Amino acid sequence: MKVNGIKITIYTELFKSVKAQFDKEGIEIPFPHRTIVMKKDKNENNDKASLEN
């Protein structure tokens, strides 16, 4: 029985067709970005970055 394989094929084809239509219409879905800035602690004498505030 290949039910899981058929499901994967259906989902893959569905996502491909949705992606193709989005590309055709110029629709983009952004994903979240996070920028992490590590600052050196003013009281620290070594080169380790501090993550605590």
N, C-alpha and C. Protein backbone atom coordinates (compact mmCIF):
# COMPACT_ATOMS: atom_id res chain seq x y z
N MET A 1 0.84 -1.19 0.00
CA MET A 1 0.00 0.00 0.00
C MET A 1 0.88 1.24 0.00
N LYS A 2 0.68 2.13 -0.93
CA LYS A 2 1.52 3.31 -1.09
C LYS A 2 0.77 4.59 -0.80
N VAL A 3 0.00 4.59 0.27
CA VAL A 3 -0.81 5.76 0.61
C VAL A 3 0.08 6.96 0.93
N ASN A 4 1.11 6.75 1.74
CA ASN A 4 1.99 7.87 2.11
C ASN A 4 2.71 8.45 0.90
N GLY A 5 3.17 7.61 0.01
CA GLY A 5 3.84 8.08 -1.20
C GLY A 5 2.91 8.90 -2.08
N ILE A 6 1.66 8.46 -2.16
CA ILE A 6 0.66 9.20 -2.95
C ILE A 6 0.37 10.55 -2.31
N LYS A 7 0.26 10.57 -0.98
CA LYS A 7 0.02 11.83 -0.26
C LYS A 7 1.16 12.81 -0.50
N ILE A 8 2.39 12.32 -0.40
CA ILE A 8 3.55 13.18 -0.60
C ILE A 8 3.54 13.73 -2.03
N THR A 9 3.23 12.90 -3.00
CA THR A 9 3.18 13.34 -4.39
C THR A 9 2.11 14.41 -4.59
N ILE A 10 0.95 14.21 -3.99
CA ILE A 10 -0.14 15.19 -4.11
C ILE A 10 0.27 16.52 -3.48
N TYR A 11 0.81 16.47 -2.25
CA TYR A 11 1.25 17.70 -1.59
C TYR A 11 2.34 18.41 -2.39
N THR A 12 3.29 17.65 -2.91
CA THR A 12 4.37 18.23 -3.70
C THR A 12 3.82 18.93 -4.94
N GLU A 13 2.93 18.27 -5.65
CA GLU A 13 2.35 18.88 -6.85
C GLU A 13 1.50 20.10 -6.51
N LEU A 14 0.79 20.03 -5.40
CA LEU A 14 -0.01 21.18 -4.95
C LEU A 14 0.89 22.38 -4.66
N PHE A 15 1.95 22.16 -3.88
CA PHE A 15 2.86 23.25 -3.54
C PHE A 15 3.56 23.80 -4.77
N LYS A 16 3.93 22.94 -5.70
CA LYS A 16 4.56 23.40 -6.93
C LYS A 16 3.61 24.30 -7.73
N SER A 17 2.34 23.90 -7.81
CA SER A 17 1.39 24.69 -8.58
C SER A 17 1.08 26.03 -7.88
N VAL A 18 1.00 26.02 -6.57
CA VAL A 18 0.78 27.27 -5.83
C VAL A 18 1.99 28.18 -6.01
N LYS A 19 3.19 27.63 -5.89
CA LYS A 19 4.41 28.42 -6.08
C LYS A 19 4.47 29.01 -7.48
N ALA A 20 4.14 28.22 -8.49
CA ALA A 20 4.17 28.70 -9.86
C ALA A 20 3.17 29.84 -10.06
N GLN A 21 1.98 29.72 -9.48
CA GLN A 21 0.98 30.77 -9.60
C GLN A 21 1.43 32.04 -8.86
N PHE A 22 2.00 31.88 -7.67
CA PHE A 22 2.51 33.03 -6.93
C PHE A 22 3.60 33.73 -7.74
N ASP A 23 4.51 32.97 -8.32
CA ASP A 23 5.57 33.56 -9.14
C ASP A 23 4.98 34.31 -10.33
N LYS A 24 3.98 33.73 -10.95
CA LYS A 24 3.33 34.36 -12.10
C LYS A 24 2.69 35.69 -11.71
N GLU A 25 2.11 35.74 -10.52
CA GLU A 25 1.43 36.96 -10.05
C GLU A 25 2.38 37.93 -9.33
N GLY A 26 3.62 37.52 -9.14
CA GLY A 26 4.58 38.38 -8.45
C GLY A 26 4.39 38.43 -6.95
N ILE A 27 3.80 37.41 -6.39
CA ILE A 27 3.54 37.36 -4.95
C ILE A 27 4.73 36.71 -4.25
N GLU A 28 5.24 37.40 -3.22
CA GLU A 28 6.32 36.86 -2.41
C GLU A 28 5.86 36.80 -0.96
N ILE A 29 6.22 35.74 -0.28
CA ILE A 29 5.89 35.61 1.14
C ILE A 29 7.19 35.73 1.91
N PRO A 30 7.36 36.84 2.64
CA PRO A 30 8.60 37.03 3.39
C PRO A 30 8.65 36.11 4.62
N PHE A 31 9.84 35.79 5.03
CA PHE A 31 10.00 35.05 6.26
C PHE A 31 10.71 35.94 7.26
N PRO A 32 10.48 35.72 8.55
CA PRO A 32 11.06 36.60 9.56
C PRO A 32 12.59 36.53 9.59
N HIS A 33 13.21 37.68 9.81
CA HIS A 33 14.65 37.77 9.95
C HIS A 33 14.96 38.30 11.34
N ARG A 34 16.04 37.85 11.90
CA ARG A 34 16.47 38.37 13.19
C ARG A 34 17.95 38.69 13.10
N THR A 35 18.31 39.89 13.52
CA THR A 35 19.70 40.30 13.54
C THR A 35 20.17 40.30 14.99
N ILE A 36 21.25 39.60 15.24
CA ILE A 36 21.80 39.55 16.59
C ILE A 36 23.10 40.33 16.60
N VAL A 37 23.16 41.30 17.52
CA VAL A 37 24.36 42.12 17.66
C VAL A 37 24.96 41.81 19.01
N MET A 38 26.20 41.37 19.00
CA MET A 38 26.89 41.05 20.25
C MET A 38 27.81 42.21 20.60
N LYS A 39 27.59 42.77 21.77
CA LYS A 39 28.39 43.91 22.21
C LYS A 39 29.32 43.47 23.33
N LYS A 40 30.47 44.08 23.35
CA LYS A 40 31.43 43.79 24.41
C LYS A 40 31.01 44.54 25.67
N ASP A 41 31.06 43.85 26.79
CA ASP A 41 30.72 44.45 28.08
C ASP A 41 31.78 45.49 28.45
N LYS A 42 31.36 46.67 28.84
CA LYS A 42 32.29 47.75 29.16
C LYS A 42 33.16 47.40 30.37
N ASN A 43 32.63 46.61 31.29
CA ASN A 43 33.37 46.27 32.50
C ASN A 43 34.26 45.04 32.32
N GLU A 44 34.17 44.40 31.19
CA GLU A 44 34.91 43.17 30.95
C GLU A 44 36.26 43.50 30.30
N ASN A 45 37.32 42.91 30.78
CA ASN A 45 38.65 43.19 30.26
C ASN A 45 39.09 42.23 29.16
N ASN A 46 38.39 41.12 29.00
CA ASN A 46 38.81 40.16 27.97
C ASN A 46 37.99 40.37 26.70
N ASP A 47 38.24 39.55 25.70
CA ASP A 47 37.61 39.73 24.39
C ASP A 47 36.30 38.97 24.23
N LYS A 48 35.76 38.37 25.27
CA LYS A 48 34.52 37.62 25.16
C LYS A 48 33.34 38.59 25.04
N ALA A 49 32.41 38.26 24.16
CA ALA A 49 31.20 39.08 24.01
C ALA A 49 30.22 38.68 25.11
N SER A 50 29.49 39.63 25.60
CA SER A 50 28.52 39.38 26.66
C SER A 50 27.12 39.40 26.07
N LEU A 51 26.30 38.41 26.44
CA LEU A 51 24.93 38.35 25.98
C LEU A 51 23.97 38.92 27.02
N GLU A 52 24.46 39.24 28.19
CA GLU A 52 23.60 39.77 29.25
C GLU A 52 23.53 41.27 29.18
N ASN A 53 22.37 41.82 29.56
CA ASN A 53 22.21 43.28 29.59
C ASN A 53 22.52 43.82 30.95
